[in-house]
N, C-alpha and C. Protein backbone atom coordinates (compact mmCIF):
# COMPACT_ATOMS: atom_id res chain seq x y z
N MET A 1 0.70 -0.82 0.81
CA MET A 1 0.12 0.37 0.24
C MET A 1 1.05 1.34 -0.21
N SER A 2 -0.09 2.31 -1.10
CA SER A 2 1.00 3.50 -1.02
C SER A 2 0.72 4.38 0.34
N THR A 3 1.66 5.29 0.40
CA THR A 3 0.74 6.26 1.01
C THR A 3 0.49 7.85 0.38
N TYR A 4 0.05 8.28 0.98
CA TYR A 4 -0.63 9.61 -0.33
C TYR A 4 -0.94 11.13 1.50
N ILE A 5 -0.41 12.55 0.66
CA ILE A 5 -0.91 13.08 1.79
C ILE A 5 -1.86 14.01 0.66
N VAL A 6 -2.57 14.48 0.98
CA VAL A 6 -4.22 15.19 0.79
C VAL A 6 -4.14 16.73 1.38
N THR A 7 -3.52 17.99 0.89
CA THR A 7 -4.10 18.76 0.54
C THR A 7 -4.83 19.42 0.35
N SER A 8 -5.59 20.74 1.18
CA SER A 8 -6.44 21.18 1.37
C SER A 8 -6.25 22.38 -0.05
N HIS A 9 -7.08 23.19 -0.02
CA HIS A 9 -7.00 23.92 -0.98
C HIS A 9 -6.86 23.85 -2.54
N GLY A 10 -7.08 22.69 -3.01
CA GLY A 10 -6.40 21.52 -4.42
C GLY A 10 -7.14 22.28 -5.40
N GLY A 11 -7.29 20.98 -6.62
CA GLY A 11 -7.85 21.65 -8.23
C GLY A 11 -8.64 20.83 -7.86
N ASP A 12 -10.00 19.84 -7.33
CA ASP A 12 -10.76 18.56 -6.98
C ASP A 12 -11.94 18.97 -7.23
N PHE A 13 -12.55 18.67 -7.03
CA PHE A 13 -13.81 18.68 -6.69
C PHE A 13 -14.31 18.98 -5.44
N PHE A 14 -14.17 19.33 -4.62
CA PHE A 14 -13.38 18.12 -3.47
C PHE A 14 -12.32 19.72 -2.32
N GLY A 15 -11.87 20.74 -3.50
CA GLY A 15 -10.92 21.10 -2.98
C GLY A 15 -10.12 20.67 -2.38
N GLU A 16 -8.94 19.24 -2.48
CA GLU A 16 -8.54 19.06 -2.62
C GLU A 16 -7.11 18.14 -3.46
N ASP A 17 -5.94 17.56 -2.89
CA ASP A 17 -5.38 17.81 -3.90
C ASP A 17 -4.48 16.13 -3.27
N ARG A 18 -3.99 15.29 -4.47
CA ARG A 18 -3.49 13.89 -3.87
C ARG A 18 -2.16 13.43 -3.93
N HIS A 19 -1.03 13.17 -3.30
CA HIS A 19 0.54 13.63 -4.10
C HIS A 19 0.64 12.19 -3.07
N ALA A 20 1.50 11.18 -3.74
CA ALA A 20 2.09 10.17 -3.29
C ALA A 20 3.09 10.23 -2.42
N CYS A 21 3.59 10.42 -1.20
CA CYS A 21 4.89 10.30 -0.30
C CYS A 21 6.21 10.13 -1.22
N LYS A 22 5.80 9.38 -1.91
CA LYS A 22 7.03 8.55 -2.33
C LYS A 22 7.62 10.09 -3.75
N THR A 23 6.10 10.87 -4.14
CA THR A 23 6.50 11.90 -5.20
C THR A 23 7.35 13.37 -4.43
N LEU A 24 6.50 13.24 -3.27
CA LEU A 24 6.90 14.51 -3.26
C LEU A 24 8.30 14.08 -2.84
N GLY A 25 8.86 12.98 -2.85
CA GLY A 25 10.65 13.34 -2.19
C GLY A 25 10.72 13.22 -3.26
N SER A 26 10.58 12.95 -4.24
CA SER A 26 11.71 13.32 -5.03
C SER A 26 11.66 13.91 -5.82
N LEU A 27 10.75 14.71 -4.94
CA LEU A 27 10.95 16.28 -5.88
C LEU A 27 12.52 17.50 -4.71
N VAL A 28 12.45 16.64 -3.66
CA VAL A 28 13.76 16.94 -2.90
C VAL A 28 15.56 18.09 -3.52
N PRO A 29 15.76 16.83 -4.29
CA PRO A 29 16.39 17.47 -4.98
C PRO A 29 17.08 18.93 -5.60
N TYR A 30 15.10 18.31 -6.40
CA TYR A 30 15.45 19.84 -7.51
C TYR A 30 14.95 20.86 -6.55
N VAL A 31 14.90 20.57 -5.07
CA VAL A 31 15.02 22.73 -4.27
C VAL A 31 16.67 23.50 -4.25
N HIS A 32 17.28 22.18 -4.65
CA HIS A 32 18.53 23.01 -4.77
C HIS A 32 18.86 23.63 -6.15
N ALA A 33 18.68 22.94 -6.98
CA ALA A 33 17.99 23.83 -8.29
C ALA A 33 17.56 24.56 -8.88
N ALA A 34 16.55 24.67 -7.43
CA ALA A 34 15.73 25.28 -7.58
C ALA A 34 15.60 26.69 -8.01
N VAL A 35 15.81 26.92 -6.11
CA VAL A 35 15.36 27.42 -5.30
C VAL A 35 16.09 28.01 -5.17
N PRO A 36 16.86 29.64 -4.52
CA PRO A 36 17.98 29.77 -3.86
C PRO A 36 18.20 30.36 -2.44
N ALA A 37 19.64 30.12 -1.89
CA ALA A 37 20.06 29.16 -1.41
C ALA A 37 18.59 29.79 0.10
N ASP A 38 19.28 31.14 0.85
CA ASP A 38 18.42 31.40 1.40
C ASP A 38 17.23 31.33 1.48
N GLU A 39 16.28 30.75 0.77
CA GLU A 39 15.13 30.32 1.01
C GLU A 39 14.31 29.15 0.64
N ARG A 40 15.58 28.61 0.03
CA ARG A 40 15.24 27.05 0.35
C ARG A 40 15.00 26.32 2.34
N GLU A 41 14.73 27.58 2.72
CA GLU A 41 14.34 26.08 4.23
C GLU A 41 13.79 25.45 3.74
N HIS A 42 12.26 26.49 4.20
CA HIS A 42 10.94 25.93 4.49
C HIS A 42 10.63 25.30 3.15
N VAL A 43 10.70 24.85 1.81
CA VAL A 43 10.43 24.39 0.94
C VAL A 43 10.47 23.00 1.19
N GLU A 44 12.56 22.42 1.12
CA GLU A 44 12.87 21.67 1.51
C GLU A 44 12.61 20.99 2.76
N GLN A 45 12.60 21.73 3.98
CA GLN A 45 12.27 20.97 4.80
C GLN A 45 10.40 20.46 5.07
N LEU A 46 9.75 20.83 4.41
CA LEU A 46 8.18 20.56 3.59
C LEU A 46 8.37 19.30 3.56
N LEU A 47 8.71 19.32 2.00
CA LEU A 47 9.12 17.69 1.35
C LEU A 47 9.41 16.90 1.62
N THR A 48 10.85 16.85 2.57
CA THR A 48 11.66 16.08 2.90
C THR A 48 11.04 15.20 3.70
N GLU A 49 10.00 16.20 5.09
CA GLU A 49 8.77 15.59 6.32
C GLU A 49 7.22 14.93 5.22
N ALA A 50 7.35 15.42 4.54
CA ALA A 50 5.81 14.43 3.66
C ALA A 50 6.59 12.99 3.03
N ALA A 51 7.81 13.17 2.90
CA ALA A 51 8.10 12.08 2.15
C ALA A 51 7.83 10.71 3.24
N GLN A 52 8.56 11.70 4.66
CA GLN A 52 8.14 10.46 5.75
C GLN A 52 7.60 10.47 7.24
N THR A 53 6.33 11.03 6.20
CA THR A 53 5.21 11.26 6.71
C THR A 53 4.25 9.81 7.60
N PRO A 54 3.87 9.59 8.77
CA PRO A 54 3.08 8.21 8.72
C PRO A 54 1.74 8.10 8.26
N ALA A 55 0.92 7.14 8.21
CA ALA A 55 -0.35 7.66 8.03
C ALA A 55 -1.01 7.99 8.84
N GLY A 56 -2.47 9.06 9.11
CA GLY A 56 -2.64 9.28 9.97
C GLY A 56 -2.52 11.13 10.08
N ALA A 57 -1.66 11.23 10.10
CA ALA A 57 0.02 12.11 10.49
C ALA A 57 -1.94 13.70 9.71
N THR A 58 -0.91 14.58 10.00
CA THR A 58 -1.78 15.90 9.03
C THR A 58 -1.05 16.88 10.06
N ARG A 59 -1.66 18.38 9.49
CA ARG A 59 -0.17 19.11 9.17
C ARG A 59 -1.05 21.35 8.82
N SER A 60 -1.14 21.55 9.62
CA SER A 60 -1.21 22.69 9.35
C SER A 60 -0.31 23.91 9.17
N ILE A 61 -0.36 24.59 8.22
CA ILE A 61 0.37 25.48 7.55
C ILE A 61 0.40 26.93 7.28
N PRO A 62 0.95 28.03 7.92
CA PRO A 62 0.24 28.79 7.84
C PRO A 62 -0.43 29.85 6.95
N ALA A 63 -1.10 30.18 6.17
CA ALA A 63 -0.94 31.38 5.14
C ALA A 63 -0.06 31.82 4.44
N ALA A 64 0.86 32.78 6.39
CA ALA A 64 1.75 33.61 5.28
C ALA A 64 3.06 32.62 4.85
N ILE A 65 2.72 30.88 5.88
CA ILE A 65 4.17 30.36 4.98
C ILE A 65 4.00 29.65 3.84
N ALA A 66 2.64 29.13 3.60
CA ALA A 66 2.16 29.21 2.15
C ALA A 66 2.08 30.35 1.22
N ALA A 67 2.63 31.39 1.28
CA ALA A 67 2.07 33.06 0.38
C ALA A 67 3.65 32.67 0.04
N ARG A 68 5.47 32.38 0.87
CA ARG A 68 6.41 32.13 0.48
C ARG A 68 6.24 30.83 -0.43
N LEU A 69 6.28 30.16 0.24
CA LEU A 69 6.08 28.78 -0.37
C LEU A 69 5.71 28.51 -2.30
N ALA A 70 4.54 28.94 -1.93
CA ALA A 70 3.74 28.60 -3.43
C ALA A 70 4.41 29.71 -4.31
N PRO A 71 5.92 30.44 -4.74
CA PRO A 71 6.19 30.95 -5.35
C PRO A 71 7.38 29.99 -6.11
N GLN A 72 8.43 29.48 -4.45
CA GLN A 72 9.07 28.56 -4.38
C GLN A 72 8.66 27.04 -5.49
N LEU A 73 7.07 26.77 -4.72
CA LEU A 73 7.11 25.73 -5.90
C LEU A 73 6.71 25.44 -7.20
N ARG A 74 6.77 26.39 -7.56
CA ARG A 74 6.88 27.06 -8.82
C ARG A 74 7.39 27.04 -9.69
N GLN A 75 8.44 27.74 -8.44
CA GLN A 75 9.98 27.35 -8.65
C GLN A 75 10.25 26.47 -9.24
N ILE A 76 9.85 25.58 -8.28
CA ILE A 76 10.89 23.93 -9.10
C ILE A 76 9.94 23.70 -10.17
N ALA A 77 8.63 23.77 -10.55
CA ALA A 77 7.93 23.30 -11.41
C ALA A 77 7.82 23.47 -12.85
N ARG A 78 8.30 25.04 -12.91
CA ARG A 78 9.55 24.89 -14.16
C ARG A 78 10.85 25.07 -14.31
N ASN A 79 11.82 24.17 -13.08
CA ASN A 79 13.10 23.79 -13.24
C ASN A 79 12.97 23.15 -15.23
N ARG A 80 13.96 23.88 -15.58
CA ARG A 80 14.35 23.13 -16.51
C ARG A 80 15.29 22.16 -16.33
N TYR A 81 15.24 21.38 -15.23
CA TYR A 81 15.83 20.16 -15.64
C TYR A 81 15.18 19.20 -14.92
N LEU A 82 14.36 19.54 -14.06
CA LEU A 82 12.91 18.43 -13.96
C LEU A 82 12.07 17.32 -15.28
N LYS A 83 12.40 17.29 -15.50
CA LYS A 83 11.93 16.33 -16.71
C LYS A 83 10.93 15.94 -16.83
N SER A 84 10.80 15.21 -15.29
CA SER A 84 8.85 13.92 -14.64
C SER A 84 7.96 14.43 -14.35
N ARG A 85 7.54 14.16 -16.50
CA ARG A 85 5.94 14.44 -16.12
C ARG A 85 5.28 14.70 -14.62
N PRO A 86 4.98 13.34 -13.69
CA PRO A 86 4.71 13.11 -12.74
C PRO A 86 5.37 14.75 -11.21
N LEU A 87 6.24 15.15 -11.68
CA LEU A 87 7.17 15.71 -10.51
C LEU A 87 6.76 17.28 -10.76
N VAL A 88 6.46 17.29 -11.95
CA VAL A 88 5.99 18.90 -12.60
C VAL A 88 5.00 18.66 -12.52
N GLN A 89 3.31 18.06 -12.39
CA GLN A 89 2.65 18.19 -12.13
C GLN A 89 1.89 18.13 -10.19
N ALA A 90 2.72 18.11 -9.89
CA ALA A 90 2.71 17.47 -8.10
C ALA A 90 3.38 19.04 -8.20
N ALA A 91 4.73 19.24 -8.52
CA ALA A 91 5.63 20.86 -7.81
C ALA A 91 4.22 21.83 -7.78
N ALA A 92 3.28 22.00 -9.32
CA ALA A 92 2.81 22.71 -10.22
C ALA A 92 1.23 22.52 -9.23
N LEU A 93 0.90 22.06 -8.68
CA LEU A 93 -0.16 21.37 -7.93
C LEU A 93 -0.57 21.95 -6.67
N LEU A 94 1.27 21.63 -5.83
CA LEU A 94 1.15 22.69 -4.75
C LEU A 94 1.33 23.99 -4.67
N ALA A 95 2.03 24.72 -5.71
CA ALA A 95 2.13 25.55 -5.77
C ALA A 95 0.90 26.31 -6.03
N ASP A 96 -0.32 26.10 -6.44
CA ASP A 96 -1.80 26.17 -6.67
C ASP A 96 -2.88 26.67 -5.43
N ALA A 97 -2.21 25.49 -4.87
CA ALA A 97 -3.37 24.81 -3.80
C ALA A 97 -2.35 26.03 -2.58
N ALA A 98 -1.56 25.81 -2.89
CA ALA A 98 -0.69 27.29 -1.25
C ALA A 98 -0.61 28.27 -1.72
N GLY A 99 -1.12 28.98 -3.31
CA GLY A 99 -1.80 30.08 -3.41
C GLY A 99 -2.74 30.59 -3.07
N ARG A 100 -3.46 30.48 -3.30
CA ARG A 100 -5.10 29.81 -2.71
C ARG A 100 -5.05 29.34 -1.40
N ALA A 101 -4.14 28.88 -0.49
CA ALA A 101 -4.77 29.23 1.26
C ALA A 101 -4.11 30.14 1.29
N ALA A 102 -2.73 30.91 1.35
CA ALA A 102 -2.45 32.99 1.34
C ALA A 102 -3.26 32.93 0.64
N ALA A 103 -4.46 32.78 -0.56
CA ALA A 103 -5.61 33.92 -0.96
C ALA A 103 -6.89 34.02 -0.10
N ASP A 104 -7.40 32.94 -0.48
CA ASP A 104 -8.48 33.42 0.91
C ASP A 104 -7.57 33.52 2.77
N ASP A 105 -6.26 33.43 3.32
CA ASP A 105 -6.26 33.66 4.52
C ASP A 105 -5.83 32.58 4.98
N GLU A 106 -6.34 31.42 4.59
CA GLU A 106 -6.82 30.14 5.33
C GLU A 106 -5.49 29.70 5.58
N PRO A 107 -5.39 28.70 6.75
CA PRO A 107 -4.17 27.90 6.61
C PRO A 107 -4.65 26.26 5.90
N TRP A 108 -3.22 26.40 5.10
CA TRP A 108 -2.95 25.24 4.32
C TRP A 108 -3.11 23.92 5.12
N GLU A 109 -4.50 22.22 4.61
CA GLU A 109 -4.29 21.41 5.29
C GLU A 109 -3.61 20.49 4.93
N TRP A 110 -2.68 19.19 5.43
CA TRP A 110 -2.47 18.42 4.70
C TRP A 110 -2.82 17.04 5.78
N ARG A 111 -3.14 15.33 5.03
CA ARG A 111 -3.37 14.56 6.46
C ARG A 111 -3.00 13.81 5.48
N THR A 112 -2.54 12.59 6.12
CA THR A 112 -1.88 11.62 5.33
C THR A 112 -3.01 10.42 5.47
N GLU A 113 -3.09 9.18 4.59
CA GLU A 113 -4.20 8.57 4.48
C GLU A 113 -3.15 7.85 3.64
N VAL A 114 -3.52 6.31 3.54
CA VAL A 114 -3.16 4.82 3.22
C VAL A 114 -4.36 4.50 2.33
N GLY A 115 -3.51 4.43 0.63
CA GLY A 115 -4.63 3.86 0.04
C GLY A 115 -3.62 2.95 -1.14
């Protein structure tokens, strides 16, 4: 069974997005190639923790931090070295969801499910 992160403010009918934890962990190496060193701490920590999150865990990311994460995640999605379509899509969807949470001034909620 795989473990998935389900985020709020997503693009589906229920306002959620679902990402395999393994996929989010695979984005970590691209943080160094896409995000300047003085800005990468939060996004790198977020993706690393997402890859290692146990089932049933929840996380709430304040709107102010989501606002900082959105452009960094977008930079990762647009990185010219990121060729894997699922990774590009995951980073882009995370950036959009973080941006929506920040725009709504609501916390960006994450929960872990086994599927």
